[in-house]
Amino acid sequence: MDMLLAVSWLGLSSFLFALILTPLTRDVFARLGFVDDPTGGRKLHSVPVPRVGGVAIAISIALSLGLTAAAGIWTPFLYNPSIQLLIHLLPSAAVIFLIGLLDDLTTLKPWQKLLGQVLGAVLAYASGLQVMGIAGYATPSWISLPVTVAWLLLCTNAFNLIDGVDGLATGAGLFATLTMLLAGVLEKNNALLLATVPLGAALLGFLRYNFNPATVFLGDCGSLLLGFLLGCFGIIWSFKTATVFGMVAPLMAMFVPILDVTLSVARRFLRGQPIFGADRGHVHHRLLDRGFTPRRVVLLLYGACAFGAVLSLLQTIHYNRYSGLVILLFCAGTWIGIQHLGYSEFRAARNMLFGGALQRMIDINVQLREFEGTLESCASFDEWWERLCGQCRDLGFAAAELNFNGKIFEEKFARISESCWSVVIPMADGASLHLTVPAGVAETVPAIVPLIDLISRKLPERIRTVGYKPAEAAAFSGR
């Protein structure tokens, strides 16, 4: 009865506070000028929208907890170790919220935000929130600390990055929170239950104003706090899941934001772009580019969140019998979803790894490195030209022609047709090298850029070093 009263009080008060405070804080910050201006590109809204809605969520949760404590409803639970853990987490959550708020008001640099997030995660670890095991084995502290911090940073930034469409981050957070709430009921995990109820109720009240068309945004203070809290609650959930898949259920519950941040990091790494940079490659952007309206994108991703929520609960309930099958189904669904998003980066990486392109590029680079060393040992123009022609033949070119000192030296390696095309490499002193590329010979194309770089750097120097005597031209078809 005490638990039912606490849950009811927390849920109802947090929902009502969010429903009342959200429009109030929205109007205050709008008058102060803290709004997200529409600038095109990644911005989808057409009018300025206040961007610090997380303030309303944080105040709603705080007031709900305060009223519950003032009414004496917390008293039966205060000495429960699990509830004490939740209380000890409040300072770390406050750090994350303040970092997000500062970013909303002053725009912090990426490293400053990350440093604040690491501080919050370390404080959470110090309060007793720890990933207790990996693959069924207890983790020593030197492993538990980085794993816990990494998990919290992943969740924190996942909800921050996916907050790009009205109601998406809030709704994804609501699905994850309700999933953990149900898990708390099923597992009789009072700490998880009492932690998720005020957050879920506040998100529900806030979503009334954040769903498309939104009149207020979460902002970094809201999205960072949401991701951090859910990361903490995921670890609390795993405390009573004594299986090799302990952290899988929380991951499934939050898989849409986590998948998005994982894909973003992978895409930017493959393309050599800044990891913390912004782009239009997020999951919701891909769906928008396919012609979906913002509202349909959100509803579709809500469906994906529901898919993850159902599987996470099934994995929790039937962890002894069907865990492997549930995880297999989850992986299959995730793979199908990624394939439908059509990321060119992953298609190119797959072709590189399994289509022979990577081996070809490695072979070309090895050949060119060896060729560079060979050029250094050439003692005459004859030897230099012979080595150059041999390398061009090995790389698949059809012909090579050198214009040097008023002479033209030419060597053909294959039949030249009208469909062939040429690459001209200018060098010092008016010299130039013309390479003929056979049409349809795809293997030759990857060699062109590194070969041009090598020739433009080394050949002019070697030409001057080995020199050229007119008598040597007899060995070539000069004209």
Protein backbone atom coordinates (compact mmCIF):
# COMPACT_ATOMS: atom_id res chain seq x y z
CA MET A 1 0.00 0.00 0.00
CA ASP A 2 2.85 2.38 0.85
CA MET A 3 4.45 1.71 -2.54
CA LEU A 4 1.17 2.25 -4.40
CA LEU A 5 0.64 5.54 -2.59
CA ALA A 6 4.18 6.72 -3.35
CA VAL A 7 3.93 5.79 -7.02
CA SER A 8 0.54 7.44 -7.40
CA TRP A 9 1.64 10.62 -5.67
CA LEU A 10 4.88 10.87 -7.62
CA GLY A 11 3.24 10.20 -10.96
CA LEU A 12 0.25 12.51 -10.58
CA SER A 13 2.18 15.43 -9.11
CA SER A 14 5.02 15.22 -11.64
CA PHE A 15 2.56 15.09 -14.56
CA LEU A 16 0.56 18.07 -13.31
CA PHE A 17 3.66 20.12 -12.59
CA ALA A 18 5.02 19.47 -16.08
CA LEU A 19 1.67 20.28 -17.66
CA ILE A 20 1.53 23.62 -15.82
CA LEU A 21 5.19 24.64 -15.74
CA THR A 22 6.10 23.87 -19.35
CA PRO A 23 4.09 26.72 -20.94
CA LEU A 24 5.17 29.08 -18.15
CA THR A 25 8.90 28.41 -18.60
CA ARG A 26 8.42 28.44 -22.38
CA ASP A 27 6.98 31.96 -22.28
CA VAL A 28 9.61 33.22 -19.83
CA PHE A 29 12.54 32.05 -21.93
CA ALA A 30 10.86 33.25 -25.11
CA ARG A 31 10.69 36.77 -23.65
CA LEU A 32 14.34 36.50 -22.59
CA GLY A 33 15.31 35.59 -26.14
CA PHE A 34 16.57 32.06 -25.48
CA VAL A 35 15.06 30.57 -28.62
CA ASP A 36 16.15 28.30 -31.44
CA ASP A 37 15.95 30.40 -34.60
CA PRO A 38 15.02 28.69 -37.88
CA THR A 39 18.09 28.79 -40.13
CA GLY A 40 17.27 26.09 -42.66
CA GLY A 41 19.52 23.09 -43.23
CA ARG A 42 19.05 20.81 -40.24
CA LYS A 43 16.40 23.09 -38.66
CA LEU A 44 12.83 22.04 -39.49
CA HIS A 45 10.82 24.67 -37.64
CA SER A 46 9.74 27.91 -39.33
CA VAL A 47 9.42 30.19 -36.28
CA PRO A 48 11.66 30.76 -33.23
CA VAL A 49 11.02 28.15 -30.52
CA PRO A 50 12.23 28.31 -26.87
CA ARG A 51 14.94 25.68 -26.39
CA VAL A 52 15.19 25.14 -22.62
CA GLY A 53 12.15 22.96 -21.97
CA GLY A 54 14.28 20.65 -19.87
CA VAL A 55 14.02 23.22 -17.10
CA ALA A 56 10.29 22.45 -16.74
CA ILE A 57 10.99 18.70 -16.58
CA ALA A 58 13.73 19.08 -13.97
CA ILE A 59 11.63 21.40 -11.78
CA SER A 60 8.60 19.11 -12.08
CA ILE A 61 10.56 16.08 -10.91
CA ALA A 62 12.19 18.05 -8.09
CA LEU A 63 8.87 19.44 -6.85
CA SER A 64 7.27 16.01 -7.07
CA LEU A 65 10.03 14.46 -4.98
CA GLY A 66 9.93 17.36 -2.52
CA LEU A 67 6.18 17.16 -2.00
CA THR A 68 6.34 13.41 -1.57
CA ALA A 69 9.01 13.81 1.08
CA ALA A 70 7.12 16.64 2.81
CA ALA A 71 3.99 14.47 2.97
CA GLY A 72 5.97 11.74 4.71
CA ILE A 73 5.33 9.23 1.93
CA TRP A 74 9.07 8.61 1.48
CA THR A 75 9.58 7.69 5.15
CA PRO A 76 9.05 3.89 4.81
CA PHE A 77 11.63 3.74 2.02
CA LEU A 78 14.35 6.13 3.20
CA TYR A 79 16.60 3.47 4.72
CA ASN A 80 16.30 1.10 1.77
CA PRO A 81 19.81 0.85 0.19
CA SER A 82 18.35 1.08 -3.30
CA ILE A 83 16.46 4.27 -2.46
CA GLN A 84 19.59 5.68 -0.84
CA LEU A 85 21.37 5.09 -4.16
CA LEU A 86 18.76 7.19 -5.96
CA ILE A 87 19.24 10.01 -3.47
CA HIS A 88 23.01 9.87 -3.92
CA LEU A 89 22.56 10.17 -7.70
CA LEU A 90 20.97 13.62 -7.42
CA PRO A 91 24.28 15.59 -7.43
CA SER A 92 25.51 13.86 -10.58
CA ALA A 93 22.16 14.47 -12.31
CA ALA A 94 22.39 18.14 -11.26
CA VAL A 95 25.84 18.41 -12.89
CA ILE A 96 24.53 17.03 -16.19
CA PHE A 97 21.52 19.36 -16.09
CA LEU A 98 23.69 22.43 -15.41
CA ILE A 99 26.09 21.54 -18.22
CA GLY A 100 23.15 21.30 -20.62
CA LEU A 101 21.66 24.54 -19.34
CA LEU A 102 24.95 26.39 -19.79
CA ASP A 103 25.15 25.08 -23.34
CA ASP A 104 21.60 26.27 -24.04
CA LEU A 105 22.34 29.73 -22.67
CA THR A 106 25.96 30.32 -23.76
CA THR A 107 26.90 27.53 -26.24
CA LEU A 108 29.76 25.49 -24.79
CA LYS A 109 32.51 23.91 -26.83
CA PRO A 110 32.22 20.14 -27.43
CA TRP A 111 35.16 19.34 -25.14
CA GLN A 112 33.62 21.41 -22.35
CA LYS A 113 30.32 19.51 -22.60
CA LEU A 114 32.15 16.20 -22.67
CA LEU A 115 34.24 17.12 -19.64
CA GLY A 116 31.09 18.01 -17.69
CA GLN A 117 29.46 14.74 -18.72
CA VAL A 118 32.49 12.74 -17.60
CA LEU A 119 32.38 14.54 -14.25
CA GLY A 120 28.69 13.66 -13.82
CA ALA A 121 29.32 10.02 -14.79
CA VAL A 122 32.24 9.69 -12.36
CA LEU A 123 30.11 11.18 -9.57
CA ALA A 124 27.39 8.64 -10.35
CA TYR A 125 29.96 5.84 -10.16
CA ALA A 126 31.27 7.17 -6.86
CA SER A 127 27.73 7.17 -5.46
CA GLY A 128 27.51 3.41 -6.02
CA LEU A 129 26.08 3.17 -9.54
CA GLN A 130 28.27 0.56 -11.22
CA VAL A 131 28.01 -1.92 -14.06
CA MET A 132 28.51 -5.05 -12.00
CA GLY A 133 29.36 -7.57 -14.68
CA ILE A 134 30.12 -8.20 -18.34
CA ALA A 135 29.17 -11.46 -20.06
CA GLY A 136 28.19 -13.02 -16.75
CA TYR A 137 31.47 -12.23 -14.98
CA ALA A 138 31.90 -9.76 -12.13
CA THR A 139 33.99 -6.77 -13.17
CA PRO A 140 36.86 -5.43 -11.03
CA SER A 141 36.74 -1.73 -10.29
CA TRP A 142 39.39 -0.81 -12.87
CA ILE A 143 37.09 -2.22 -15.57
CA SER A 144 33.79 -1.28 -13.97
CA LEU A 145 34.66 2.43 -13.84
CA PRO A 146 35.40 2.96 -17.56
CA VAL A 147 32.52 0.70 -18.60
CA THR A 148 30.06 2.59 -16.37
CA VAL A 149 31.29 5.99 -17.55
CA ALA A 150 31.22 4.89 -21.20
CA TRP A 151 27.64 3.60 -20.86
CA LEU A 152 26.44 6.81 -19.23
CA LEU A 153 28.17 8.96 -21.85
CA LEU A 154 26.64 6.85 -24.62
CA CYS A 155 23.10 7.22 -23.27
CA THR A 156 23.54 10.91 -22.45
CA ASN A 157 24.68 11.84 -25.94
CA ALA A 158 22.31 9.44 -27.68
CA PHE A 159 19.24 11.39 -26.59
CA ASN A 160 20.99 14.68 -27.26
CA LEU A 161 21.79 13.77 -30.87
CA ILE A 162 18.38 12.34 -31.72
CA ASP A 163 16.59 15.47 -30.56
CA GLY A 164 16.15 16.78 -34.11
CA VAL A 165 12.42 16.37 -34.79
CA ASP A 166 9.49 17.59 -32.68
CA GLY A 167 8.70 15.08 -29.95
CA LEU A 168 11.25 12.45 -31.00
CA ALA A 169 13.67 12.50 -28.06
CA THR A 170 10.84 13.07 -25.57
CA GLY A 171 8.78 10.21 -26.99
CA ALA A 172 11.75 7.84 -27.22
CA GLY A 173 12.58 8.69 -23.62
CA LEU A 174 8.97 8.09 -22.59
CA PHE A 175 8.94 4.64 -24.22
CA ALA A 176 12.20 3.72 -22.50
CA THR A 177 10.98 5.04 -19.15
CA LEU A 178 7.68 3.15 -19.33
CA THR A 179 9.58 -0.01 -20.29
CA MET A 180 11.78 0.29 -17.23
CA LEU A 181 8.75 1.07 -15.09
CA LEU A 182 7.08 -2.17 -16.23
CA ALA A 183 10.32 -4.03 -15.61
CA GLY A 184 10.35 -2.59 -12.08
CA VAL A 185 6.81 -3.89 -11.52
CA LEU A 186 7.59 -7.34 -12.96
CA GLU A 187 10.83 -7.74 -11.00
CA LYS A 188 9.56 -6.02 -7.83
CA ASN A 189 12.44 -3.58 -8.18
CA ASN A 190 11.24 -0.71 -5.99
CA ALA A 191 14.19 1.55 -6.77
CA LEU A 192 13.57 1.28 -10.50
CA LEU A 193 9.84 1.82 -10.02
CA LEU A 194 10.19 4.92 -7.85
CA ALA A 195 12.88 6.37 -10.13
CA THR A 196 11.00 6.00 -13.40
CA VAL A 197 7.51 7.13 -12.35
CA PRO A 198 8.26 10.86 -11.88
CA LEU A 199 10.39 11.00 -15.03
CA GLY A 200 7.79 9.24 -17.16
CA ALA A 201 4.98 11.43 -15.84
CA ALA A 202 6.99 14.62 -16.45
CA LEU A 203 7.81 13.52 -20.00
CA LEU A 204 4.15 12.81 -20.68
CA GLY A 205 3.14 16.27 -19.51
CA PHE A 206 5.95 17.90 -21.50
CA LEU A 207 5.11 15.96 -24.67
CA ARG A 208 1.81 17.84 -24.82
CA TYR A 209 3.82 20.92 -25.90
CA ASN A 210 6.76 19.21 -27.58
CA PHE A 211 4.92 17.05 -30.12
CA ASN A 212 4.63 18.32 -33.67
CA PRO A 213 4.16 21.22 -34.09
CA ALA A 214 6.29 21.90 -31.01
CA THR A 215 6.07 25.16 -29.09
CA VAL A 216 9.06 24.29 -26.88
CA PHE A 217 12.17 22.15 -27.28
CA LEU A 218 13.95 20.00 -24.72
CA GLY A 219 17.22 21.78 -25.26
CA ASP A 220 20.51 20.29 -24.12
CA CYS A 221 19.50 20.65 -20.48
CA GLY A 222 16.53 18.37 -21.16
CA SER A 223 18.02 15.86 -23.63
CA LEU A 224 21.29 15.39 -21.72
CA LEU A 225 19.45 14.96 -18.41
CA LEU A 226 16.99 12.53 -19.99
CA GLY A 227 19.73 10.37 -21.49
CA PHE A 228 21.80 10.42 -18.31
CA LEU A 229 18.88 9.44 -16.06
CA LEU A 230 17.85 6.61 -18.36
CA GLY A 231 21.45 5.38 -18.46
CA CYS A 232 21.45 5.34 -14.65
CA PHE A 233 18.10 3.58 -14.52
CA GLY A 234 19.35 1.01 -17.04
CA ILE A 235 22.19 0.07 -14.68
CA ILE A 236 19.75 -0.16 -11.77
CA TRP A 237 17.59 -2.43 -13.94
CA SER A 238 20.58 -4.69 -14.62
CA PHE A 239 21.30 -5.15 -10.91
CA LYS A 240 18.64 -7.88 -10.68
CA THR A 241 19.22 -9.39 -14.10
CA ALA A 242 21.75 -12.09 -13.27
CA THR A 243 22.41 -13.28 -16.82
CA VAL A 244 25.15 -12.91 -19.41
CA PHE A 245 22.82 -10.45 -21.12
CA GLY A 246 22.33 -8.14 -18.12
CA MET A 247 22.79 -4.85 -20.00
CA VAL A 248 21.04 -6.00 -23.18
CA ALA A 249 17.52 -5.29 -21.92
CA PRO A 250 18.25 -1.60 -21.15
CA LEU A 251 20.03 -1.29 -24.49
CA MET A 252 16.97 -2.67 -26.30
CA ALA A 253 14.71 -0.25 -24.45
CA MET A 254 16.81 2.70 -25.68
CA PHE A 255 18.00 1.22 -28.95
CA VAL A 256 16.69 3.94 -31.30
CA PRO A 257 18.77 6.77 -29.76
CA ILE A 258 21.73 4.47 -29.11
CA LEU A 259 21.61 3.13 -32.66
CA ASP A 260 21.53 6.66 -34.04
CA VAL A 261 24.58 7.83 -32.09
CA THR A 262 26.46 4.62 -32.96
CA LEU A 263 25.72 5.04 -36.66
CA SER A 264 26.72 8.71 -36.50
CA VAL A 265 30.10 7.94 -34.96
CA ALA A 266 30.71 5.09 -37.43
CA ARG A 267 29.72 7.20 -40.46
CA ARG A 268 31.92 10.12 -39.47
CA PHE A 269 34.85 7.84 -38.72
CA LEU A 270 34.59 6.13 -42.11
CA ARG A 271 34.54 9.49 -43.89
CA GLY A 272 37.24 11.07 -41.75
CA GLN A 273 34.88 13.75 -40.46
CA PRO A 274 34.87 15.24 -36.93
CA ILE A 275 33.10 12.90 -34.53
CA PHE A 276 31.41 15.83 -32.76
CA GLY A 277 30.42 17.59 -35.97
CA ALA A 278 26.84 18.10 -37.10
CA ASP A 279 25.37 16.68 -40.28
CA ARG A 280 22.12 15.57 -41.89
CA GLY A 281 22.85 11.88 -41.64
CA HIS A 282 20.87 11.02 -38.51
CA VAL A 283 18.13 8.41 -38.68
CA HIS A 284 15.36 11.01 -38.69
CA HIS A 285 17.10 13.00 -41.43
CA ARG A 286 17.32 9.90 -43.62
CA LEU A 287 13.60 9.31 -43.21
CA LEU A 288 12.83 12.96 -43.95
CA ASP A 289 14.92 12.74 -47.11
CA ARG A 290 12.79 9.78 -48.19
CA GLY A 291 9.74 12.04 -48.22
CA PHE A 292 8.22 11.35 -44.80
CA THR A 293 6.68 14.28 -42.95
CA PRO A 294 8.18 15.13 -39.53
CA ARG A 295 5.10 13.73 -37.79
CA ARG A 296 5.25 10.46 -39.74
CA VAL A 297 8.98 10.17 -38.97
CA VAL A 298 8.30 10.50 -35.26
CA LEU A 299 5.45 7.99 -35.32
CA LEU A 300 7.55 5.52 -37.30
CA LEU A 301 10.40 5.79 -34.81
CA TYR A 302 7.92 5.48 -31.95
CA GLY A 303 7.03 2.13 -33.51
CA ALA A 304 10.70 1.17 -33.52
CA CYS A 305 10.91 2.18 -29.84
CA ALA A 306 7.89 -0.02 -29.09
CA PHE A 307 9.61 -2.91 -30.90
CA GLY A 308 12.67 -2.53 -28.69
CA ALA A 309 10.53 -2.13 -25.57
CA VAL A 310 8.60 -5.35 -26.17
CA LEU A 311 11.76 -7.34 -26.85
CA SER A 312 13.52 -5.94 -23.80
CA LEU A 313 10.63 -7.02 -21.56
CA LEU A 314 10.51 -10.44 -23.19
CA GLN A 315 14.24 -10.80 -22.64
CA THR A 316 13.75 -9.87 -18.98
CA ILE A 317 10.82 -12.22 -18.38
CA HIS A 318 12.16 -15.25 -20.29
CA TYR A 319 15.89 -14.74 -19.80
CA ASN A 320 16.54 -18.41 -19.06
CA ARG A 321 14.74 -19.90 -22.06
CA TYR A 322 14.45 -17.44 -24.93
CA SER A 323 17.17 -14.83 -24.41
CA GLY A 324 19.17 -15.96 -27.42
CA LEU A 325 16.10 -16.00 -29.66
CA VAL A 326 14.98 -12.55 -28.51
CA ILE A 327 18.42 -11.09 -29.11
CA LEU A 328 18.57 -12.71 -32.54
CA LEU A 329 15.20 -11.21 -33.44
CA PHE A 330 16.35 -7.81 -32.17
CA CYS A 331 19.55 -7.95 -34.23
CA ALA A 332 17.64 -9.00 -37.34
CA GLY A 333 15.14 -6.16 -36.96
CA THR A 334 17.93 -3.65 -36.38
CA TRP A 335 19.84 -4.87 -39.43
CA ILE A 336 16.77 -4.61 -41.65
CA GLY A 337 16.17 -1.07 -40.38
CA ILE A 338 19.75 0.01 -41.11
CA GLN A 339 19.54 -1.48 -44.60
CA HIS A 340 16.38 0.50 -45.36
CA LEU A 341 18.09 3.73 -44.30
CA GLY A 342 20.52 3.24 -47.18
CA TYR A 343 23.72 4.72 -45.77
CA SER A 344 26.30 5.02 -48.56
CA GLU A 345 29.18 4.94 -46.06
CA PHE A 346 28.40 1.40 -44.95
CA ARG A 347 27.79 0.20 -48.49
CA ALA A 348 31.17 1.58 -49.53
CA ALA A 349 32.86 0.01 -46.50
CA ARG A 350 31.25 -3.35 -47.28
CA ASN A 351 32.43 -3.17 -50.88
CA MET A 352 35.91 -2.27 -49.69
CA LEU A 353 36.08 -5.18 -47.26
CA PHE A 354 34.32 -7.91 -49.22
CA GLY A 355 34.46 -6.71 -52.83
CA GLY A 356 38.24 -6.81 -53.18
CA ALA A 357 38.64 -3.02 -53.26
CA LEU A 358 40.51 -2.92 -49.95
CA GLN A 359 42.97 -5.59 -51.08
CA ARG A 360 43.43 -3.72 -54.37
CA MET A 361 44.15 -0.44 -52.56
CA ILE A 362 46.65 -2.15 -50.25
CA ASP A 363 48.35 -3.79 -53.24
CA ILE A 364 48.53 -0.45 -55.09
CA ASN A 365 50.02 1.35 -52.10
CA VAL A 366 52.60 -1.39 -51.60
CA GLN A 367 53.52 -1.25 -55.30
CA LEU A 368 53.88 2.53 -55.22
CA ARG A 369 56.02 2.46 -52.07
CA GLU A 370 58.31 -0.08 -53.71
CA PHE A 371 58.28 1.98 -56.91
CA GLU A 372 59.31 5.09 -54.97
CA GLY A 373 62.29 3.21 -53.56
CA THR A 374 63.16 1.88 -57.01
CA LEU A 375 63.20 5.38 -58.49
CA GLU A 376 65.75 6.45 -55.91
CA SER A 377 68.20 3.83 -57.16
CA CYS A 378 67.97 4.73 -60.87
CA ALA A 379 71.34 5.87 -62.25
CA SER A 380 70.29 6.84 -65.77
CA PHE A 381 67.39 8.19 -67.73
CA ASP A 382 67.04 4.87 -69.56
CA GLU A 383 66.64 2.96 -66.31
CA TRP A 384 64.30 5.60 -64.92
CA TRP A 385 61.98 5.45 -67.95
CA GLU A 386 62.03 1.65 -68.02
CA ARG A 387 60.99 1.44 -64.36
CA LEU A 388 58.24 4.00 -64.88
CA CYS A 389 56.81 2.14 -67.86
CA GLY A 390 56.96 -1.16 -66.00
CA GLN A 391 55.05 0.29 -63.06
CA CYS A 392 52.38 1.83 -65.32
CA ARG A 393 51.95 -1.52 -67.09
CA ASP A 394 51.53 -3.32 -63.73
CA LEU A 395 48.92 -0.81 -62.61
CA GLY A 396 46.80 -1.43 -65.72
CA PHE A 397 47.46 1.67 -67.83
CA ALA A 398 47.32 1.29 -71.61
CA ALA A 399 50.12 3.72 -72.49
CA ALA A 400 52.53 6.26 -71.04
CA GLU A 401 53.86 9.33 -72.84
CA LEU A 402 56.48 11.74 -71.48
CA ASN A 403 57.03 15.24 -72.88
CA PHE A 404 60.49 16.33 -71.73
CA ASN A 405 63.17 18.65 -73.09
CA GLY A 406 61.30 19.03 -76.38
CA LYS A 407 61.16 15.26 -76.87
CA ILE A 408 58.23 12.86 -76.62
CA PHE A 409 58.80 9.36 -75.28
CA GLU A 410 55.95 6.90 -75.64
CA GLU A 411 55.34 3.30 -74.60
CA LYS A 412 52.16 1.28 -75.28
CA PHE A 413 51.13 -1.62 -73.05
CA ALA A 414 47.69 -2.48 -74.52
CA ARG A 415 45.47 -1.65 -77.49
CA ILE A 416 44.25 1.95 -77.41
CA SER A 417 40.69 2.60 -78.58
CA GLU A 418 38.49 5.68 -78.85
CA SER A 419 36.87 4.85 -75.53
CA CYS A 420 40.16 5.24 -73.63
CA TRP A 421 40.71 8.35 -71.55
CA SER A 422 43.83 10.18 -70.41
CA VAL A 423 45.35 11.66 -67.30
CA VAL A 424 47.87 14.49 -67.73
CA ILE A 425 50.35 15.11 -64.91
CA PRO A 426 52.23 18.41 -65.26
CA MET A 427 55.78 18.52 -63.89
CA ALA A 428 58.57 21.06 -63.51
CA ASP A 429 60.29 22.83 -66.41
CA GLY A 430 57.31 22.36 -68.73
CA ALA A 431 57.51 18.57 -68.63
CA SER A 432 54.35 16.44 -68.46
CA LEU A 433 53.38 12.80 -68.27
CA HIS A 434 50.31 11.50 -70.14
CA LEU A 435 48.78 8.21 -68.96
CA THR A 436 46.13 6.43 -71.02
CA VAL A 437 43.45 4.57 -69.07
CA PRO A 438 41.53 1.73 -70.77
CA ALA A 439 37.76 2.12 -70.67
CA GLY A 440 36.00 -0.14 -68.19
CA VAL A 441 39.16 -1.13 -66.30
CA ALA A 442 37.96 -0.28 -62.79
CA GLU A 443 41.11 -1.71 -61.17
CA THR A 444 43.20 1.12 -62.63
CA VAL A 445 41.14 3.98 -61.22
CA PRO A 446 42.19 3.65 -57.52
CA ALA A 447 45.84 3.90 -58.60
CA ILE A 448 45.48 7.27 -60.31
CA VAL A 449 45.43 9.63 -57.32
CA PRO A 450 48.31 8.07 -55.34
CA LEU A 451 50.31 7.71 -58.55
CA ILE A 452 49.76 11.38 -59.43
CA ASP A 453 50.90 12.36 -55.94
CA LEU A 454 54.04 10.25 -56.21
CA ILE A 455 54.92 11.45 -59.70
CA SER A 456 54.32 15.11 -58.92
CA ARG A 457 56.60 14.83 -55.86
CA LYS A 458 59.36 12.53 -57.09
CA LEU A 459 59.65 12.46 -60.88
CA PRO A 460 60.74 16.06 -61.51
CA GLU A 461 63.48 15.62 -58.93
CA ARG A 462 64.62 12.31 -60.41
CA ILE A 463 64.59 13.68 -63.97
CA ARG A 464 67.00 16.41 -62.92
CA THR A 465 69.09 13.94 -60.92
CA VAL A 466 69.56 11.26 -63.60
CA GLY A 467 69.78 13.84 -66.38
CA TYR A 468 69.01 13.23 -70.04
CA LYS A 469 71.42 12.80 -72.92
CA PRO A 470 70.00 13.04 -76.48
CA ALA A 471 71.71 9.79 -77.43
CA GLU A 472 69.58 7.97 -74.92
CA ALA A 473 66.46 8.78 -76.91
CA ALA A 474 67.29 6.12 -79.46
CA ALA A 475 65.87 3.47 -77.20
CA PHE A 476 62.46 5.15 -77.31
CA SER A 477 59.98 6.11 -79.95
CA GLY A 478 60.80 9.83 -79.73
CA ARG A 479 59.54 12.40 -82.20
